[in-house]
Amino acid sequence: MNVYDITVKDNKSSDVSLSEYKGKVLLIVNTATKCGLTPQYEGLEALYEKYHEQGFEILDFPCNQFAFQAPGSDEKIDSFCKLRYDTKFPRFAKIKVNGKDTDPLYVYLKEQKPGNIKWNFAKFLIDRKGNVVERFAPADKPDSLTAAIEQEINKPE
């Protein structure tokens, strides 16, 4: 099993198979719009713009589990991110990343790189074959991921 075997909901409640991202380097992030780390959206968008043409995608999964810092509908969250941070990367439906209702994607991610998600903006780097290669803490700023992203982008296929 790898990440491509998982189906998630987009922010319009439609099913999306992550197999649509086969061959891409992915950064999967649980996010929130009312968090002290919310300005990381700016850095995430900078990474997306820098590496997108090289086969890099950021998959944004809003999560309201941490101090209810992702309030509002999926539509409002998407609008906020686009208007405030001009984000262009895909945003999905709000999910749970811990507890009995953990989304299957996060069950899988945490099996590969163990430990509960401690806060908003935890990040998982996925290689072009769908394997979880690295996990980054919420406090790790997006620009600190550059070397790891470049390493995966530049790996021979």
Protein backbone atom coordinates (compact mmCIF):
# COMPACT_ATOMS: atom_id res chain seq x y z
CA MET A 1 0.00 0.00 0.00
CA ASN A 2 1.03 3.58 -0.57
CA VAL A 3 -0.61 7.00 -0.61
CA TYR A 4 -2.02 6.39 -4.11
CA ASP A 5 -4.37 3.73 -2.73
CA ILE A 6 -6.25 6.35 -0.68
CA THR A 7 -9.30 8.36 -1.72
CA VAL A 8 -10.09 11.69 -0.05
CA LYS A 9 -12.82 14.32 -0.41
CA ASP A 10 -12.10 17.60 -2.14
CA ASN A 11 -13.51 20.83 -0.74
CA LYS A 12 -16.67 20.32 -2.78
CA SER A 13 -17.26 16.84 -1.24
CA SER A 14 -16.27 14.91 -4.37
CA ASP A 15 -14.06 11.84 -4.13
CA VAL A 16 -10.48 12.28 -5.28
CA SER A 17 -8.15 9.33 -5.64
CA LEU A 18 -4.64 10.32 -4.66
CA SER A 19 -3.53 8.15 -7.60
CA GLU A 20 -4.22 11.33 -9.62
CA TYR A 21 -0.92 12.57 -8.18
CA LYS A 22 1.18 9.55 -9.27
CA GLY A 23 4.66 10.58 -10.29
CA LYS A 24 4.56 13.84 -8.32
CA VAL A 25 6.40 14.83 -5.17
CA LEU A 26 3.75 15.71 -2.58
CA LEU A 27 3.71 17.76 0.59
CA ILE A 28 0.63 16.90 2.65
CA VAL A 29 -0.23 19.46 5.32
CA ASN A 30 -2.99 19.75 7.93
CA THR A 31 -3.85 23.44 8.14
CA ALA A 32 -5.92 26.00 10.00
CA THR A 33 -6.94 29.56 9.19
CA LYS A 34 -7.01 30.99 12.72
CA CYS A 35 -3.69 29.65 14.01
CA GLY A 36 -0.46 31.41 14.92
CA LEU A 37 1.12 29.29 12.18
CA THR A 38 -1.42 30.32 9.52
CA PRO A 39 1.13 32.71 7.91
CA GLN A 40 2.94 29.54 6.78
CA TYR A 41 0.47 29.60 3.88
CA GLU A 42 2.69 32.31 2.39
CA GLY A 43 5.75 30.05 2.53
CA LEU A 44 3.80 27.06 1.27
CA GLU A 45 2.62 29.06 -1.74
CA ALA A 46 6.22 30.15 -2.41
CA LEU A 47 7.31 26.49 -2.43
CA TYR A 48 4.42 25.61 -4.71
CA GLU A 49 5.28 28.35 -7.18
CA LYS A 50 8.99 27.46 -7.15
CA TYR A 51 8.62 23.69 -7.64
CA HIS A 52 5.19 23.08 -9.18
CA GLU A 53 6.53 22.97 -12.76
CA GLN A 54 9.00 20.29 -11.63
CA GLY A 55 6.22 17.94 -10.50
CA PHE A 56 5.58 19.18 -6.95
CA GLU A 57 2.14 19.45 -5.36
CA ILE A 58 0.97 20.63 -1.96
CA LEU A 59 -2.19 18.97 -0.66
CA ASP A 60 -3.92 21.10 1.98
CA PHE A 61 -6.18 19.38 4.51
CA PRO A 62 -7.87 21.85 6.89
CA CYS A 63 -8.33 20.46 10.38
CA ASN A 64 -10.39 21.95 13.21
CA GLN A 65 -9.11 19.58 15.94
CA PHE A 66 -6.58 21.94 17.47
CA ALA A 67 -8.28 24.68 19.51
CA PHE A 68 -10.99 24.94 16.82
CA GLN A 69 -8.65 27.02 14.65
CA ALA A 70 -10.19 26.00 11.31
CA PRO A 71 -13.76 27.20 11.74
CA GLY A 72 -16.14 27.73 8.88
CA SER A 73 -17.14 25.75 5.84
CA ASP A 74 -14.73 24.28 3.32
CA GLU A 75 -15.81 27.03 0.93
CA LYS A 76 -15.02 29.80 3.46
CA ILE A 77 -11.63 28.28 4.27
CA ASP A 78 -10.78 28.06 0.56
CA SER A 79 -11.89 31.63 -0.04
CA PHE A 80 -9.84 32.91 2.92
CA CYS A 81 -6.69 31.16 1.70
CA LYS A 82 -7.05 32.38 -1.86
CA LEU A 83 -7.85 35.97 -0.89
CA ARG A 84 -5.40 36.36 2.00
CA TYR A 85 -2.46 34.25 0.78
CA ASP A 86 -3.20 33.84 -2.95
CA THR A 87 -2.84 30.05 -2.65
CA LYS A 88 -3.17 28.01 -5.82
CA PHE A 89 -2.48 24.51 -4.52
CA PRO A 90 -5.32 22.00 -4.00
CA ARG A 91 -7.36 22.26 -0.81
CA PHE A 92 -9.48 19.38 0.39
CA ALA A 93 -12.39 18.89 2.77
CA LYS A 94 -11.84 19.46 6.47
CA ILE A 95 -10.64 16.28 8.19
CA LYS A 96 -9.60 14.79 11.53
CA VAL A 97 -5.97 13.81 11.94
CA ASN A 98 -6.12 12.22 15.42
CA GLY A 99 -8.58 10.15 17.44
CA LYS A 100 -11.19 7.56 16.54
CA ASP A 101 -12.40 9.51 13.48
CA THR A 102 -8.95 9.99 11.96
CA ASP A 103 -9.15 10.23 8.20
CA PRO A 104 -7.69 7.11 6.49
CA LEU A 105 -5.02 9.27 4.84
CA TYR A 106 -3.70 10.32 8.24
CA VAL A 107 -3.98 6.79 9.61
CA TYR A 108 -1.64 5.77 6.79
CA LEU A 109 0.72 8.75 7.16
CA LYS A 110 1.09 8.14 10.90
CA GLU A 111 1.72 4.43 10.33
CA GLN A 112 4.62 5.36 8.05
CA LYS A 113 6.04 8.10 10.30
CA PRO A 114 4.62 7.29 13.75
CA GLY A 115 3.21 9.70 16.29
CA ASN A 116 0.10 11.75 16.75
CA ILE A 117 -0.19 15.04 14.97
CA LYS A 118 0.69 17.63 17.61
CA TRP A 119 -0.72 20.77 15.97
CA ASN A 120 -1.71 22.49 12.75
CA PHE A 121 0.80 22.57 9.88
CA ALA A 122 2.41 19.17 10.41
CA LYS A 123 3.90 18.22 7.03
CA PHE A 124 4.56 14.91 5.26
CA LEU A 125 6.80 14.66 2.20
CA ILE A 126 5.84 11.94 -0.28
CA ASP A 127 8.15 10.72 -3.07
CA ARG A 128 7.14 10.17 -6.71
CA LYS A 129 6.30 6.52 -5.94
CA GLY A 130 3.81 7.40 -3.19
CA ASN A 131 6.05 6.61 -0.21
CA VAL A 132 6.24 8.80 2.88
CA VAL A 133 9.88 9.89 3.06
CA GLU A 134 9.88 12.56 5.73
CA ARG A 135 7.75 14.17 8.40
CA PHE A 136 8.16 17.77 9.54
CA ALA A 137 6.90 19.41 12.72
CA PRO A 138 4.33 22.20 12.67
CA ALA A 139 6.98 24.76 13.64
CA ASP A 140 9.20 23.79 10.67
CA LYS A 141 8.83 26.71 8.31
CA PRO A 142 8.15 25.89 4.67
CA ASP A 143 11.47 27.37 3.46
CA SER A 144 13.32 24.91 5.70
CA LEU A 145 11.94 22.06 3.57
CA THR A 146 13.68 23.22 0.39
CA ALA A 147 16.60 20.75 0.52
CA ALA A 148 14.33 17.75 1.18
CA ILE A 149 11.93 18.77 -1.60
CA GLU A 150 14.77 19.32 -4.08
CA GLN A 151 16.27 15.96 -3.18
CA GLU A 152 13.00 14.21 -4.03
CA ILE A 153 12.37 16.25 -7.18
CA ASN A 154 15.87 15.52 -8.47
CA LYS A 155 15.89 11.78 -7.74
CA PRO A 156 16.19 9.69 -10.86
CA GLU A 157 12.95 7.89 -11.67
